């Protein structure tokens, strides 16, 4: 038995055009490429910070870069999640979501490295030297405390 639908039964569609025009648009592809390049840059910054003494300036730059990366990644994730959740038969959304899953896999190593970097940092001292660090001090302290319980 097949169900039929009429115009009155058609569900509303979310208007997500403010995020991206379409799941196969150049804009979302550019955003994914931006996340990949920003993640690579952040990993380079983390490697540099790991090999020297952490300064307030370098931690502030890491925070700014990480926040920018997360803002773009969250926008992509939310957009694709809504599209796929609303219509699992949308092939363009499914393909974009699969491509995004590959990009997200590259992001997995950032948080543990950032957490490890904070492990021995004197956050209160760094916060006194940087407005960026000061604003994020409660979160940084929480991450540092959680990191103390991670296996090396």
Protein backbone atom coordinates (compact mmCIF):
# COMPACT_ATOMS: atom_id res chain seq x y z
CA UNK A 1 0.00 0.00 0.00
CA UNK A 2 1.37 3.40 -0.93
CA UNK A 3 0.55 6.55 0.91
CA UNK A 4 -0.46 9.51 -1.13
CA UNK A 5 0.04 13.09 -0.15
CA UNK A 6 -1.78 16.17 -1.20
CA UNK A 7 -0.76 19.81 -0.93
CA UNK A 8 -2.35 20.10 2.52
CA UNK A 9 -0.18 17.23 3.85
CA UNK A 10 3.16 18.60 2.71
CA UNK A 11 5.27 19.46 5.71
CA UNK A 12 6.88 22.87 6.03
CA UNK A 13 10.47 23.27 4.90
CA UNK A 14 13.12 24.91 7.06
CA UNK A 15 14.59 27.97 5.42
CA UNK A 16 18.32 27.53 5.96
CA UNK A 17 19.39 29.81 3.13
CA UNK A 18 20.86 32.27 5.63
CA UNK A 19 23.49 29.61 6.41
CA UNK A 20 24.21 28.23 2.93
CA UNK A 21 22.24 28.40 -0.33
CA UNK A 22 22.34 24.62 -0.95
CA UNK A 23 24.20 21.55 0.26
CA UNK A 24 26.07 21.33 -3.03
CA UNK A 25 26.79 25.06 -3.29
CA UNK A 26 30.22 26.57 -3.79
CA UNK A 27 29.72 28.40 -0.48
CA UNK A 28 29.52 25.23 1.62
CA UNK A 29 32.41 23.65 -0.27
CA UNK A 30 34.46 26.79 0.42
CA UNK A 31 33.49 26.68 4.11
CA UNK A 32 34.59 23.04 4.35
CA UNK A 33 37.88 23.87 2.64
CA UNK A 34 38.31 26.78 5.05
CA UNK A 35 37.80 24.46 8.02
CA UNK A 36 40.42 22.08 6.63
CA UNK A 37 42.99 24.82 6.09
CA UNK A 38 42.19 26.49 9.43
CA UNK A 39 42.56 23.14 11.20
CA UNK A 40 45.94 22.56 9.55
CA UNK A 41 47.05 26.05 10.59
CA UNK A 42 45.84 25.48 14.16
CA UNK A 43 47.74 22.19 14.34
CA UNK A 44 50.88 24.00 13.17
CA UNK A 45 50.33 26.66 15.84
CA UNK A 46 49.85 23.95 18.47
CA UNK A 47 53.07 22.24 17.39
CA UNK A 48 54.95 25.52 17.67
CA UNK A 49 53.44 26.23 21.10
CA UNK A 50 54.34 22.73 22.30
CA UNK A 51 57.99 23.26 21.44
CA UNK A 52 58.38 26.54 23.33
CA UNK A 53 57.21 28.13 26.54
CA UNK A 54 53.56 29.08 26.24
CA UNK A 55 53.09 32.85 26.26
CA UNK A 56 49.93 34.85 26.79
CA UNK A 57 50.19 36.12 23.22
CA UNK A 58 50.53 32.65 21.70
CA UNK A 59 47.70 31.23 23.82
CA UNK A 60 45.49 34.18 22.84
CA UNK A 61 46.22 33.52 19.16
CA UNK A 62 45.46 29.81 19.62
CA UNK A 63 42.15 30.65 21.29
CA UNK A 64 41.16 33.07 18.52
CA UNK A 65 42.07 30.56 15.80
CA UNK A 66 40.27 27.71 17.59
CA UNK A 67 37.14 29.83 18.12
CA UNK A 68 37.05 30.86 14.46
CA UNK A 69 37.45 27.24 13.39
CA UNK A 70 34.68 26.09 15.73
CA UNK A 71 32.32 28.85 14.57
CA UNK A 72 32.57 27.76 10.94
CA UNK A 73 32.47 24.05 11.81
CA UNK A 74 29.38 24.51 13.97
CA UNK A 75 27.60 26.40 11.20
CA UNK A 76 28.32 23.62 8.69
CA UNK A 77 27.37 20.87 11.17
CA UNK A 78 24.08 22.51 12.10
CA UNK A 79 23.13 23.18 8.50
CA UNK A 80 23.82 19.66 7.28
CA UNK A 81 22.24 18.04 10.33
CA UNK A 82 19.01 19.97 9.78
CA UNK A 83 18.90 19.09 6.08
CA UNK A 84 19.49 15.39 6.60
CA UNK A 85 17.17 15.17 9.60
CA UNK A 86 14.39 16.85 7.65
CA UNK A 87 14.77 14.71 4.54
CA UNK A 88 16.90 11.58 4.55
CA UNK A 89 16.23 11.13 0.84
CA UNK A 90 17.98 14.41 -0.07
CA UNK A 91 20.96 13.03 -1.99
CA UNK A 92 22.80 16.35 -2.17
CA UNK A 93 22.51 16.80 1.60
CA UNK A 94 23.61 13.20 2.18
CA UNK A 95 26.65 13.64 -0.06
CA UNK A 96 27.60 16.91 1.62
CA UNK A 97 27.15 15.31 5.03
CA UNK A 98 29.46 12.44 4.05
CA UNK A 99 32.08 14.89 2.78
CA UNK A 100 31.74 16.83 6.04
CA UNK A 101 32.27 13.63 8.06
CA UNK A 102 35.68 13.26 6.39
CA UNK A 103 36.60 16.83 7.29
CA UNK A 104 35.43 16.34 10.88
CA UNK A 105 37.71 13.32 11.21
CA UNK A 106 40.67 15.66 10.78
CA UNK A 107 39.42 17.85 13.63
CA UNK A 108 39.53 15.08 16.21
CA UNK A 109 43.17 15.56 17.15
CA UNK A 110 42.91 19.25 17.98
CA UNK A 111 41.08 19.13 21.32
CA UNK A 112 43.40 16.60 22.98
CA UNK A 113 46.48 18.55 21.90
CA UNK A 114 45.00 21.83 23.10
CA UNK A 115 44.08 20.20 26.41
CA UNK A 116 47.57 18.75 26.80
CA UNK A 117 49.09 22.15 26.04
CA UNK A 118 47.11 23.68 28.89
CA UNK A 119 48.25 20.95 31.28
CA UNK A 120 51.19 22.77 32.80
CA UNK A 121 50.25 26.34 31.89
CA UNK A 122 49.96 28.95 34.61
CA UNK A 123 46.62 30.22 33.39
CA UNK A 124 46.12 32.96 35.98
CA UNK A 125 49.49 34.49 35.06
CA UNK A 126 48.71 34.28 31.33
CA UNK A 127 45.24 35.76 31.90
CA UNK A 128 46.78 38.79 33.62
CA UNK A 129 48.79 39.41 30.45
CA UNK A 130 46.11 38.83 27.81
CA UNK A 131 42.50 40.01 27.59
CA UNK A 132 41.68 37.03 25.36
CA UNK A 133 43.01 34.55 27.89
CA UNK A 134 41.29 36.44 30.73
CA UNK A 135 37.89 36.24 29.04
CA UNK A 136 38.31 32.50 28.51
CA UNK A 137 39.93 31.76 31.88
CA UNK A 138 36.96 29.86 33.41
CA UNK A 139 36.74 27.55 30.40
CA UNK A 140 40.50 27.15 30.13
CA UNK A 141 40.68 26.25 33.82
CA UNK A 142 37.91 23.68 33.41
CA UNK A 143 39.70 22.16 30.39
CA UNK A 144 42.98 22.12 32.30
CA UNK A 145 41.33 20.35 35.25
CA UNK A 146 39.70 17.79 32.98
CA UNK A 147 43.00 17.27 31.20
CA UNK A 148 44.66 16.33 34.47
CA UNK A 149 42.55 13.18 34.43
CA UNK A 150 43.43 12.09 30.89
CA UNK A 151 45.85 9.29 30.22
CA UNK A 152 49.17 10.47 28.72
